[in-house]
C-alpha atoms as a PDB file:
ATOM      1  CA  ASP A   1      68.279   3.105 -93.312  1.00  0.00           C
ATOM      2  CA  GLU A   2      71.109   2.497 -90.829  1.00  0.00           C
ATOM      3  CA  PHE A   3      68.984   0.051 -88.811  1.00  0.00           C
ATOM      4  CA  GLY A   4      67.662  -1.785 -91.862  1.00  0.00           C
ATOM      5  CA  GLU A   5      71.007  -2.990 -93.277  1.00  0.00           C
ATOM      6  CA  GLY A   6      70.837  -0.432 -96.076  1.00  0.00           C
ATOM      7  CA  ARG A   7      67.303  -1.361 -97.162  1.00  0.00           C
ATOM      8  CA  TRP A   8      64.405   1.034 -97.610  1.00  0.00           C
ATOM      9  CA  THR A   9      61.970   1.308 -94.711  1.00  0.00           C
ATOM     10  CA  LEU A  10      58.455   2.737 -94.346  1.00  0.00           C
ATOM     11  CA  GLU A  11      57.468   5.716 -92.244  1.00  0.00           C
ATOM     12  CA  ALA A  12      53.858   6.392 -91.360  1.00  0.00           C
ATOM     13  CA  GLY A  13      52.320   9.596 -92.711  1.00  0.00           C
ATOM     14  CA  ALA A  14      49.747  11.859 -91.074  1.00  0.00           C
ATOM     15  CA  LEU A  15      46.653   9.761 -91.866  1.00  0.00           C
ATOM     16  CA  VAL A  16      48.303   6.511 -90.771  1.00  0.00           C
ATOM     17  CA  LEU A  17      49.467   8.101 -87.503  1.00  0.00           C
ATOM     18  CA  ALA A  18      45.875   9.270 -86.991  1.00  0.00           C
ATOM     19  CA  ASP A  19      44.509   5.712 -87.262  1.00  0.00           C
ATOM     20  CA  LYS A  20      41.360   5.375 -85.086  1.00  0.00           C
ATOM     21  CA  GLY A  21      41.551   9.099 -84.395  1.00  0.00           C
ATOM     22  CA  ILE A  22      41.172  12.353 -86.297  1.00  0.00           C
ATOM     23  CA  ALA A  23      43.512  14.104 -88.738  1.00  0.00           C
ATOM     24  CA  ALA A  24      43.311  17.878 -89.185  1.00  0.00           C
ATOM     25  CA  VAL A  25      44.586  19.214 -92.522  1.00  0.00           C
ATOM     26  CA  ASP A  26      44.934  22.898 -93.372  1.00  0.00           C
ATOM     27  CA  GLU A  27      45.252  24.385 -96.882  1.00  0.00           C
ATOM     28  CA  LEU A  28      43.747  21.272 -98.460  1.00  0.00           C
ATOM     29  CA  ASP A  29      43.266  23.158-101.743  1.00  0.00           C
ATOM     30  CA  LYS A  30      47.070  23.583-102.066  1.00  0.00           C
ATOM     31  CA  MET A  31      47.964  19.884-101.838  1.00  0.00           C
ATOM     32  CA  ARG A  32      49.983  18.275-104.600  1.00  0.00           C
ATOM     33  CA  LYS A  33      48.032  16.221-107.122  1.00  0.00           C
ATOM     34  CA  GLU A  34      49.608  12.908-106.036  1.00  0.00           C
ATOM     35  CA  ASP A  35      48.795  13.617-102.377  1.00  0.00           C
ATOM     36  CA  ARG A  36      45.173  14.327-103.275  1.00  0.00           C
ATOM     37  CA  GLU A  37      44.984  11.035-105.152  1.00  0.00           C
ATOM     38  CA  ALA A  38      46.283   9.216-102.064  1.00  0.00           C
ATOM     39  CA  LEU A  39      43.467  10.782-100.051  1.00  0.00           C
ATOM     40  CA  HIS A  40      40.861   8.949-102.145  1.00  0.00           C
ATOM     41  CA  ASP A  41      41.937   5.519-100.889  1.00  0.00           C
ATOM     42  CA  ALA A  42      42.253   6.816 -97.352  1.00  0.00           C
ATOM     43  CA  LEU A  43      38.738   8.277 -97.321  1.00  0.00           C
ATOM     44  CA  GLU A  44      37.034   5.461 -99.226  1.00  0.00           C
ATOM     45  CA  GLN A  45      38.844   2.277 -98.171  1.00  0.00           C
ATOM     46  CA  GLN A  46      40.427   3.463 -94.888  1.00  0.00           C
ATOM     47  CA  ILE A  47      43.846   2.232 -96.025  1.00  0.00           C
ATOM     48  CA  ILE A  48      47.005   3.657 -97.620  1.00  0.00           C
ATOM     49  CA  PRO A  49      48.408   1.238-100.243  1.00  0.00           C
ATOM     50  CA  ILE A  50      52.207   1.336-100.711  1.00  0.00           C
ATOM     51  CA  ALA A  51      54.113  -0.211-103.640  1.00  0.00           C
ATOM     52  CA  LYS A  52      57.569   1.369-103.801  1.00  0.00           C
ATOM     53  CA  ALA A  53      61.196   0.182-103.742  1.00  0.00           C
ATOM     54  CA  GLY A  54      60.130  -3.454-103.515  1.00  0.00           C
ATOM     55  CA  ILE A  55      57.906  -2.784-100.503  1.00  0.00           C
ATOM     56  CA  ILE A  56      54.246  -3.714-100.854  1.00  0.00           C
ATOM     57  CA  ALA A  57      52.046  -2.902 -97.895  1.00  0.00           C
ATOM     58  CA  LYS A  58      48.657  -1.624 -96.824  1.00  0.00           C
ATOM     59  CA  LEU A  59      48.640   0.724 -93.851  1.00  0.00           C
ATOM     60  CA  ASN A  60      45.464   1.397 -91.881  1.00  0.00           C
ATOM     61  CA  SER A  61      44.105   4.947 -91.904  1.00  0.00           C
ATOM     62  CA  ARG A  62      40.806   4.467 -90.074  1.00  0.00           C
ATOM     63  CA  CYS A  63      40.447   8.101 -89.148  1.00  0.00           C
ATOM     64  CA  SER A  64      38.168  11.072 -89.611  1.00  0.00           C
ATOM     65  CA  LEU A  65      39.434  13.979 -91.689  1.00  0.00           C
ATOM     66  CA  LEU A  66      38.831  17.578 -90.661  1.00  0.00           C
ATOM     67  CA  ALA A  67      40.021  19.788 -93.509  1.00  0.00           C
ATOM     68  CA  ALA A  68      40.118  23.520 -94.217  1.00  0.00           C
ATOM     69  CA  ALA A  69      40.510  25.124 -97.628  1.00  0.00           C
ATOM     70  CA  ASN A  70      40.396  28.609 -99.112  1.00  0.00           C
ATOM     71  CA  PRO A  71      38.103  29.744-101.949  1.00  0.00           C
ATOM     72  CA  LYS A  72      39.951  29.978-105.252  1.00  0.00           C
ATOM     73  CA  TYR A  73      39.423  33.758-105.385  1.00  0.00           C
ATOM     74  CA  GLY A  74      40.951  34.218-101.921  1.00  0.00           C
ATOM     75  CA  HIS A  75      37.711  35.506-100.388  1.00  0.00           C
ATOM     76  CA  PHE A  76      34.102  34.400-100.679  1.00  0.00           C
ATOM     77  CA  ASP A  77      31.960  36.461-103.018  1.00  0.00           C
ATOM     78  CA  LYS A  78      28.365  36.454-101.795  1.00  0.00           C
ATOM     79  CA  TYR A  79      27.152  37.198-105.337  1.00  0.00           C
ATOM     80  CA  THR A  80      28.822  34.086-106.788  1.00  0.00           C
ATOM     81  CA  PRO A  81      27.529  30.529-106.183  1.00  0.00           C
ATOM     82  CA  ILE A  82      29.618  28.777-103.533  1.00  0.00           C
ATOM     83  CA  ALA A  83      30.036  25.702-105.718  1.00  0.00           C
ATOM     84  CA  ASP A  84      31.864  27.899-108.275  1.00  0.00           C
ATOM     85  CA  GLN A  85      34.335  29.107-105.654  1.00  0.00           C
ATOM     86  CA  ILE A  86      35.661  25.753-104.426  1.00  0.00           C
ATOM     87  CA  ASP A  87      38.887  24.886-106.233  1.00  0.00           C
ATOM     88  CA  MET A  88      38.965  21.176-105.463  1.00  0.00           C
ATOM     89  CA  PRO A  89      38.308  17.998-107.476  1.00  0.00           C
ATOM     90  CA  ALA A  90      34.631  17.089-107.285  1.00  0.00           C
ATOM     91  CA  THR A  91      35.473  13.434-106.604  1.00  0.00           C
ATOM     92  CA  LEU A  92      37.374  14.404-103.446  1.00  0.00           C
ATOM     93  CA  LEU A  93      34.909  17.028-102.256  1.00  0.00           C
ATOM     94  CA  SER A  94      32.013  14.572-102.470  1.00  0.00           C
ATOM     95  CA  ARG A  95      33.649  12.254 -99.906  1.00  0.00           C
ATOM     96  CA  PHE A  96      33.168  14.691 -97.033  1.00  0.00           C
ATOM     97  CA  ASP A  97      30.057  14.141 -94.906  1.00  0.00           C
ATOM     98  CA  LEU A  98      29.651  17.825 -94.012  1.00  0.00           C
ATOM     99  CA  ILE A  99      30.830  20.962 -95.813  1.00  0.00           C
ATOM    100  CA  PHE A 100      30.615  24.364 -94.125  1.00  0.00           C
ATOM    101  CA  THR A 101      31.428  27.827 -95.426  1.00  0.00           C
ATOM    102  CA  MET A 102      33.079  30.286 -93.038  1.00  0.00           C
ATOM    103  CA  MET A 103      32.790  33.962 -93.955  1.00  0.00           C
ATOM    104  CA  ASP A 104      34.395  36.935 -92.206  1.00  0.00           C
ATOM    105  CA  ILE A 105      31.482  39.374 -92.016  1.00  0.00           C
ATOM    106  CA  PRO A 106      32.275  42.669 -90.200  1.00  0.00           C
ATOM    107  CA  ASN A 107      30.180  43.125 -87.058  1.00  0.00           C
ATOM    108  CA  GLU A 108      31.139  45.769 -84.484  1.00  0.00           C
ATOM    109  CA  ALA A 109      29.939  43.844 -81.431  1.00  0.00           C
ATOM    110  CA  VAL A 110      31.675  40.621 -82.500  1.00  0.00           C
ATOM    111  CA  ASP A 111      34.827  42.511 -83.544  1.00  0.00           C
ATOM    112  CA  GLN A 112      35.091  44.152 -80.109  1.00  0.00           C
ATOM    113  CA  VAL A 113      34.798  40.800 -78.322  1.00  0.00           C
ATOM    114  CA  THR A 114      37.393  39.257 -80.669  1.00  0.00           C
ATOM    115  CA  ALA A 115      39.846  42.158 -80.211  1.00  0.00           C
ATOM    116  CA  ASP A 116      39.467  42.089 -76.406  1.00  0.00           C
ATOM    117  CA  HIS A 117      40.049  38.330 -76.334  1.00  0.00           C
ATOM    118  CA  VAL A 118      43.214  38.456 -78.476  1.00  0.00           C
ATOM    119  CA  LEU A 119      44.679  41.405 -76.532  1.00  0.00           C
ATOM    120  CA  ASP A 120      43.883  39.764 -73.179  1.00  0.00           C
ATOM    121  CA  ILE A 121      45.600  36.549 -74.228  1.00  0.00           C
ATOM    122  CA  HIS A 122      48.738  38.436 -75.300  1.00  0.00           C
ATOM    123  CA  TYR A 123      48.763  40.467 -72.071  1.00  0.00           C
ATOM    124  CA  GLY A 124      48.327  37.425 -69.856  1.00  0.00           C
ATOM    125  CA  GLY A 125      50.873  35.410 -71.830  1.00  0.00           C
ATOM    126  CA  ALA A 126      53.487  38.170 -71.489  1.00  0.00           C
ATOM    127  CA  LEU A 127      52.981  38.410 -67.713  1.00  0.00           C
ATOM    128  CA  LEU A 128      53.165  34.641 -67.369  1.00  0.00           C
ATOM    129  CA  ALA A 129      56.366  34.460 -69.425  1.00  0.00           C
ATOM    130  CA  ARG A 130      58.033  37.256 -67.361  1.00  0.00           C
ATOM    131  CA  GLY A 131      57.032  35.669 -64.083  1.00  0.00           C
ATOM    132  CA  SER A 132      56.457  39.173 -62.848  1.00  0.00           C
ATOM    133  CA  GLU A 133      54.157  40.361 -60.107  1.00  0.00           C
ATOM    134  CA  GLU A 134      53.618  43.613 -61.986  1.00  0.00           C
ATOM    135  CA  GLY A 135      50.316  44.511 -63.551  1.00  0.00           C
ATOM    136  CA  ASP A 136      46.658  44.192 -62.639  1.00  0.00           C
ATOM    137  CA  HIS A 137      46.329  40.981 -60.616  1.00  0.00           C
ATOM    138  CA  GLU A 138      42.547  40.963 -60.959  1.00  0.00           C
ATOM    139  CA  ALA A 139      42.801  41.264 -64.748  1.00  0.00           C
ATOM    140  CA  PHE A 140      45.478  38.556 -64.827  1.00  0.00           C
ATOM    141  CA  ASP A 141      43.277  36.138 -62.849  1.00  0.00           C
ATOM    142  CA  ARG A 142      40.396  36.868 -65.202  1.00  0.00           C
ATOM    143  CA  ILE A 143      42.587  36.181 -68.250  1.00  0.00           C
ATOM    144  CA  LYS A 144      43.924  32.996 -66.647  1.00  0.00           C
ATOM    145  CA  GLN A 145      40.359  31.743 -66.289  1.00  0.00           C
ATOM    146  CA  LYS A 146      39.844  32.379 -69.992  1.00  0.00           C
ATOM    147  CA  LEU A 147      42.839  30.202 -70.822  1.00  0.00           C
ATOM    148  CA  GLU A 148      41.512  27.279 -68.806  1.00  0.00           C
ATOM    149  CA  PRO A 149      39.152  25.085 -70.871  1.00  0.00           C
ATOM    150  CA  VAL A 150      35.679  24.304 -69.542  1.00  0.00           C
ATOM    151  CA  ILE A 151      36.475  20.577 -69.657  1.00  0.00           C
ATOM    152  CA  PRO A 152      40.013  19.478 -68.705  1.00  0.00           C
ATOM    153  CA  PRO A 153      41.773  18.120 -71.837  1.00  0.00           C
ATOM    154  CA  GLN A 154      42.708  14.796 -70.240  1.00  0.00           C
ATOM    155  CA  LEU A 155      39.123  14.161 -69.146  1.00  0.00           C
ATOM    156  CA  PHE A 156      37.853  15.084 -72.610  1.00  0.00           C
ATOM    157  CA  ARG A 157      40.327  12.695 -74.277  1.00  0.00           C
ATOM    158  CA  LYS A 158      39.254   9.877 -71.952  1.00  0.00           C
ATOM    159  CA  TYR A 159      35.580  10.589 -72.631  1.00  0.00           C
ATOM    160  CA  ILE A 160      36.065  10.396 -76.408  1.00  0.00           C
ATOM    161  CA  ALA A 161      38.285   7.306 -76.168  1.00  0.00           C
ATOM    162  CA  TYR A 162      35.733   5.545 -73.954  1.00  0.00           C
ATOM    163  CA  SER A 163      32.809   6.388 -76.254  1.00  0.00           C
ATOM    164  CA  LYS A 164      34.652   5.187 -79.371  1.00  0.00           C
ATOM    165  CA  ARG A 165      35.850   1.979 -77.748  1.00  0.00           C
ATOM    166  CA  ASN A 166      32.794   0.919 -75.775  1.00  0.00           C
ATOM    167  CA  VAL A 167      29.723   2.495 -77.401  1.00  0.00           C
ATOM    168  CA  ILE A 168      28.429   0.775 -80.561  1.00  0.00           C
ATOM    169  CA  PRO A 169      24.990   2.301 -81.182  1.00  0.00           C
ATOM    170  CA  ILE A 170      22.307   0.675 -83.335  1.00  0.00           C
ATOM    171  CA  LEU A 171      19.378   2.300 -85.117  1.00  0.00           C
ATOM    172  CA  SER A 172      16.010   2.163 -83.420  1.00  0.00           C
ATOM    173  CA  GLY A 173      12.978   1.398 -85.562  1.00  0.00           C
ATOM    174  CA  GLU A 174      11.783   5.003 -85.472  1.00  0.00           C
ATOM    175  CA  ALA A 175      15.265   6.301 -86.372  1.00  0.00           C
ATOM    176  CA  ARG A 176      15.461   3.934 -89.367  1.00  0.00           C
ATOM    177  CA  LYS A 177      12.082   5.153 -90.598  1.00  0.00           C
ATOM    178  CA  LYS A 178      13.082   8.825 -90.277  1.00  0.00           C
ATOM    179  CA  ILE A 179      16.317   8.329 -92.218  1.00  0.00           C
ATOM    180  CA  LYS A 180      14.524   6.338 -94.914  1.00  0.00           C
ATOM    181  CA  ASP A 181      11.745   8.945 -95.243  1.00  0.00           C
ATOM    182  CA  PHE A 182      14.327  11.758 -95.428  1.00  0.00           C
ATOM    183  CA  TYR A 183      16.302  10.008 -98.184  1.00  0.00           C
ATOM    184  CA  ILE A 184      13.274   9.042-100.291  1.00  0.00           C
ATOM    185  CA  GLY A 185      11.621  12.436 -99.750  1.00  0.00           C
ATOM    186  CA  ILE A 186      14.595  14.343-101.160  1.00  0.00           C
ATOM    187  CA  ARG A 187      15.195  11.822-103.950  1.00  0.00           C
ATOM    188  CA  ARG A 188      11.549  12.044-105.025  1.00  0.00           C
ATOM    189  CA  VAL A 189      12.097  15.388-106.789  1.00  0.00           C
ATOM    190  CA  GLY A 190      14.601  13.702-109.095  1.00  0.00           C
ATOM    191  CA  TYR A 191      12.279  10.965-110.334  1.00  0.00           C
ATOM    192  CA  GLU A 192      11.065  12.858-113.420  1.00  0.00           C
ATOM    193  CA  ASP A 193      14.088  14.011-115.440  1.00  0.00           C
ATOM    194  CA  ALA A 194      15.177  16.432-112.704  1.00  0.00           C
ATOM    195  CA  PRO A 195      18.590  16.886-111.041  1.00  0.00           C
ATOM    196  CA  VAL A 196      19.609  14.074-108.683  1.00  0.00           C
ATOM    197  CA  PRO A 197      19.396  15.739-105.233  1.00  0.00           C
ATOM    198  CA  ILE A 198      21.469  13.237-103.211  1.00  0.00           C
ATOM    199  CA  THR A 199      22.924   9.746-103.626  1.00  0.00           C
ATOM    200  CA  VAL A 200      23.522   6.707-101.403  1.00  0.00           C
ATOM    201  CA  ARG A 201      26.800   8.313-100.330  1.00  0.00           C
ATOM    202  CA  GLN A 202      24.835  11.068 -98.584  1.00  0.00           C
ATOM    203  CA  LEU A 203      22.544   8.443 -97.026  1.00  0.00           C
ATOM    204  CA  GLU A 204      25.589   6.756 -95.498  1.00  0.00           C
ATOM    205  CA  SER A 205      26.768  10.150 -94.240  1.00  0.00           C
ATOM    206  CA  VAL A 206      23.503  10.625 -92.358  1.00  0.00           C
ATOM    207  CA  VAL A 207      23.860   7.183 -90.743  1.00  0.00           C
ATOM    208  CA  ARG A 208      27.474   7.881 -89.680  1.00  0.00           C
ATOM    209  CA  LEU A 209      26.510  11.254 -88.208  1.00  0.00           C
ATOM    210  CA  ALA A 210      23.585   9.708 -86.321  1.00  0.00           C
ATOM    211  CA  GLU A 211      25.928   7.084 -84.850  1.00  0.00           C
ATOM    212  CA  SER A 212      28.295   9.855 -83.746  1.00  0.00           C
ATOM    213  CA  LYS A 213      25.441  11.781 -82.161  1.00  0.00           C
ATOM    214  CA  ALA A 214      24.468   8.718 -80.103  1.00  0.00           C
ATOM    215  CA  ARG A 215      28.101   8.103 -79.078  1.00  0.00           C
ATOM    216  CA  VAL A 216      28.347  11.639 -77.703  1.00  0.00           C
ATOM    217  CA  ARG A 217      25.510  10.712 -75.337  1.00  0.00           C
ATOM    218  CA  LEU A 218      27.138   7.339 -74.557  1.00  0.00           C
ATOM    219  CA  SER A 219      23.937   5.738 -75.822  1.00  0.00           C
ATOM    220  CA  ASP A 220      23.675   2.284 -77.387  1.00  0.00           C
ATOM    221  CA  ILE A 221      20.521   3.309 -79.273  1.00  0.00           C
ATOM    222  CA  ILE A 222      20.221   5.900 -82.059  1.00  0.00           C
ATOM    223  CA  THR A 223      16.958   7.669 -81.318  1.00  0.00           C
ATOM    224  CA  ALA A 224      14.610   9.703 -83.502  1.00  0.00           C
ATOM    225  CA  ASP A 225      15.883  12.878 -81.773  1.00  0.00           C
ATOM    226  CA  ASP A 226      19.437  12.018 -82.868  1.00  0.00           C
ATOM    227  CA  VAL A 227      18.255  11.644 -86.458  1.00  0.00           C
ATOM    228  CA  ASP A 228      16.286  14.916 -86.340  1.00  0.00           C
ATOM    229  CA  SER A 229      19.385  16.826 -85.185  1.00  0.00           C
ATOM    230  CA  VAL A 230      21.544  15.235 -87.877  1.00  0.00           C
ATOM    231  CA  ILE A 231      18.991  15.885 -90.638  1.00  0.00           C
ATOM    232  CA  ASN A 232      18.800  19.576 -89.681  1.00  0.00           C
ATOM    233  CA  LEU A 233      22.595  19.881 -89.760  1.00  0.00           C
ATOM    234  CA  PHE A 234      22.947  17.870 -92.958  1.00  0.00           C
ATOM    235  CA  THR A 235      20.209  19.842 -94.759  1.00  0.00           C
ATOM    236  CA  TYR A 236      21.930  23.102 -93.799  1.00  0.00           C
ATOM    237  CA  CYS A 237      25.165  21.915 -95.460  1.00  0.00           C
ATOM    238  CA  LEU A 238      23.303  20.617 -98.518  1.00  0.00           C
ATOM    239  CA  ARG A 239      21.691  23.987 -99.142  1.00  0.00           C
ATOM    240  CA  GLN A 240      25.031  25.768 -98.845  1.00  0.00           C
ATOM    241  CA  VAL A 241      26.885  23.732-101.460  1.00  0.00           C
ATOM    242  CA  PHE A 242      24.602  21.347-103.374  1.00  0.00           C
ATOM    243  CA  VAL A 243      22.122  23.903-104.757  1.00  0.00           C
ATOM    244  CA  ASP A 244      22.151  24.723-108.475  1.00  0.00           C
ATOM    245  CA  PRO A 245      22.237  28.547-108.446  1.00  0.00           C
ATOM    246  CA  GLU A 246      20.264  28.792-111.699  1.00  0.00           C
ATOM    247  CA  THR A 247      17.323  26.643-110.646  1.00  0.00           C
ATOM    248  CA  GLY A 248      17.559  26.818-106.844  1.00  0.00           C
ATOM    249  CA  ARG A 249      17.129  23.034-106.673  1.00  0.00           C
ATOM    250  CA  LEU A 250      19.342  20.477-104.946  1.00  0.00           C
ATOM    251  CA  ASP A 251      21.720  18.908-107.467  1.00  0.00           C
ATOM    252  CA  VAL A 252      24.396  16.501-106.223  1.00  0.00           C
ATOM    253  CA  ASP A 253      26.168  16.692-109.604  1.00  0.00           C
ATOM    254  CA  TRP A 254      27.485  20.119-108.566  1.00  0.00           C
ATOM    255  CA  VAL A 255      29.848  18.300-106.203  1.00  0.00           C
ATOM    256  CA  VAL A 256      30.088  14.797-107.670  1.00  0.00           C
ATOM    257  CA  SER A 257      30.931  15.773-111.263  1.00  0.00           C
ATOM    258  CA  GLY A 258      31.520  19.513-111.088  1.00  0.00           C
ATOM    259  CA  MET A 259      28.672  20.221-113.544  1.00  0.00           C
ATOM    260  CA  SER A 260      25.002  20.733-112.734  1.00  0.00           C
ATOM    261  CA  LYS A 261      22.191  19.097-114.707  1.00  0.00           C
ATOM    262  CA  THR A 262      21.301  22.511-116.162  1.00  0.00           C
ATOM    263  CA  ARG A 263      24.774  22.885-117.645  1.00  0.00           C
ATOM    264  CA  ARG A 264      24.784  19.276-118.780  1.00  0.00           C
ATOM    265  CA  ASP A 265      21.521  19.824-120.680  1.00  0.00           C
ATOM    266  CA  ARG A 266      22.943  22.954-122.288  1.00  0.00           C
ATOM    267  CA  ALA A 267      26.075  21.056-123.363  1.00  0.00           C
ATOM    268  CA  ARG A 268      23.887  18.378-124.971  1.00  0.00           C
ATOM    269  CA  ILE A 269      21.906  21.019-126.908  1.00  0.00           C
ATOM    270  CA  ILE A 270      25.124  22.716-128.060  1.00  0.00           C
ATOM    271  CA  ARG A 271      26.483  19.381-129.343  1.00  0.00           C
ATOM    272  CA  GLU A 272      23.273  18.852-131.310  1.00  0.00           C
ATOM    273  CA  ILE A 273      23.481  22.388-132.755  1.00  0.00           C
ATOM    274  CA  ILE A 274      27.077  21.826-133.875  1.00  0.00           C
ATOM    275  CA  LYS A 275      26.150  18.501-135.506  1.00  0.00           C
ATOM    276  CA  GLU A 276      23.324  20.187-137.416  1.00  0.00           C
ATOM    277  CA  LEU A 277      25.589  23.022-138.575  1.00  0.00           C
ATOM    278  CA  GLU A 278      28.183  20.488-139.756  1.00  0.00           C
ATOM    279  CA  LYS A 279      25.768  19.542-142.541  1.00  0.00           C
ATOM    280  CA  GLU A 280      26.082  23.088-143.901  1.00  0.00           C
ATOM    281  CA  TYR A 281      29.656  24.115-142.978  1.00  0.00           C
ATOM    282  CA  GLY A 282      31.493  20.791-142.780  1.00  0.00           C
ATOM    283  CA  ASP A 283      33.753  19.831-139.855  1.00  0.00           C
ATOM    284  CA  GLU A 284      34.670  23.418-138.961  1.00  0.00           C
ATOM    285  CA  VAL A 285      31.627  25.317-137.670  1.00  0.00           C
ATOM    286  CA  PRO A 286      31.662  29.116-137.075  1.00  0.00           C
ATOM    287  CA  ILE A 287      31.299  29.927-133.374  1.00  0.00           C
ATOM    288  CA  ALA A 288      29.065  32.897-134.229  1.00  0.00           C
ATOM    289  CA  GLU A 289      26.547  30.555-135.894  1.00  0.00           C
ATOM    290  CA  VAL A 290      26.531  28.277-132.829  1.00  0.00           C
ATOM    291  CA  LEU A 291      25.865  31.285-130.584  1.00  0.00           C
ATOM    292  CA  ASP A 292      23.040  32.512-132.835  1.00  0.00           C
ATOM    293  CA  GLN A 293      21.359  29.089-132.943  1.00  0.00           C
ATOM    294  CA  ALA A 294      21.731  28.644-129.167  1.00  0.00           C
ATOM    295  CA  GLU A 295      20.153  32.068-128.627  1.00  0.00           C
ATOM    296  CA  VAL A 296      17.180  30.942-130.699  1.00  0.00           C
ATOM    297  CA  GLU A 297      16.929  27.921-128.350  1.00  0.00           C
ATOM    298  CA  GLY A 298      16.622  30.368-125.427  1.00  0.00           C
ATOM    299  CA  MET A 299      20.186  30.219-124.068  1.00  0.00           C
ATOM    300  CA  GLU A 300      22.227  33.277-123.133  1.00  0.00           C
ATOM    301  CA  ARG A 301      25.317  33.887-125.290  1.00  0.00           C
ATOM    302  CA  ASP A 302      27.722  34.253-122.360  1.00  0.00           C
ATOM    303  CA  LYS A 303      26.551  30.932-120.883  1.00  0.00           C
ATOM    304  CA  VAL A 304      27.011  29.216-124.258  1.00  0.00           C
ATOM    305  CA  GLU A 305      30.534  30.644-124.594  1.00  0.00           C
ATOM    306  CA  GLU A 306      31.336  29.379-121.084  1.00  0.00           C
ATOM    307  CA  ILE A 307      30.154  25.840-121.898  1.00  0.00           C
ATOM    308  CA  ILE A 308      32.082  25.818-125.185  1.00  0.00           C
ATOM    309  CA  GLU A 309      35.250  26.715-123.237  1.00  0.00           C
ATOM    310  CA  VAL A 310      34.569  23.866-120.789  1.00  0.00           C
ATOM    311  CA  MET A 311      34.088  21.435-123.704  1.00  0.00           C
ATOM    312  CA  LYS A 312      37.421  22.600-125.120  1.00  0.00           C
ATOM    313  CA  ARG A 313      39.164  21.931-121.816  1.00  0.00           C
ATOM    314  CA  ASP A 314      37.546  18.488-121.639  1.00  0.00           C
ATOM    315  CA  GLY A 315      38.852  17.605-125.111  1.00  0.00           C
ATOM    316  CA  ILE A 316      35.407  17.400-126.752  1.00  0.00           C
ATOM    317  CA  LEU A 317      35.900  20.443-128.982  1.00  0.00           C
ATOM    318  CA  TYR A 318      38.879  22.418-130.214  1.00  0.00           C
ATOM    319  CA  SER A 319      39.346  25.582-132.222  1.00  0.00           C
ATOM    320  CA  PRO A 320      41.777  25.380-135.162  1.00  0.00           C
ATOM    321  CA  GLY A 321      41.515  29.189-135.461  1.00  0.00           C
ATOM    322  CA  GLY A 322      39.576  31.766-137.439  1.00  0.00           C
ATOM    323  CA  GLY A 323      36.551  31.762-135.106  1.00  0.00           C
ATOM    324  CA  VAL A 324      35.549  28.151-135.819  1.00  0.00           C
ATOM    325  CA  ILE A 325      35.255  25.008-133.677  1.00  0.00           C
ATOM    326  CA  LYS A 326      35.129  21.314-134.468  1.00  0.00           C
ATOM    327  CA  PHE A 327      34.712  18.023-132.658  1.00  0.00           C
ATOM    328  CA  VAL A 328      37.830  16.120-131.629  1.00  0.00           C
ATOM    329  CA  LYS A 329      37.787  12.941-133.684  1.00  0.00           C
END
């Protein structure tokens, strides 16, 4: 660096520049692996650690992250579970408080409004750029009103800055009870060898969202109404992404580990079947025999083949050829 006497210097990235603000990231699913790994520290510890070229530093990244990503098939398939369509590491996906799915569903009334809006904006923008008096003045005034936001941007920025700086809400007794009852009520279904519906991470998400709801009202107290609104929103997101499509039950492992409890149980049974067949066939067990035994246990052959492929990718099994599989020693 010409101002650093030839030494290396640091430059702040997007999340550091967004400290105490919000960072918007598009195409999150297309990030490089090393960039995704850096996001973990930013989302969990609110810092970006640097250790390069003799420079050791920790940069603050105390920001919210608003991210958009595409489904791995390019378009959502309503007949396929949403959790199967998200091409993102489960450890990163689980750090988001809210996850929404946006689907482009054709609707004539909505399409007409959308088309009119886009065409009006282009028409008004062209007239404004030409500085011409030509055209329909009444239509131009109407389009100009559309371009003007309901709340002036500067006022909106001041409102948000004031609420973040001066409003530090605390939970009321009734709000604490509602959050606690919500958490325990959902967790209760997982007490008897059932999928774990949510974890403490989701509990913290509810608290953060309730604090945000109170800040929007410039209130120092988080009320029961704030918690009710947040629980409704949070439950909506849970049922979009955290539901095991085979059982219809909430299962946080879908997002946390990428494998539901149902699949995990099947994988355990398949391992036991392979170990039993090893007594007869040795280390190399015919895949056909595994499929037959699993079918006797009540599992579908295509699901068993899918789990065997996953176990191969995870390095638990491998196939030396000839239609046989064996454990990796």
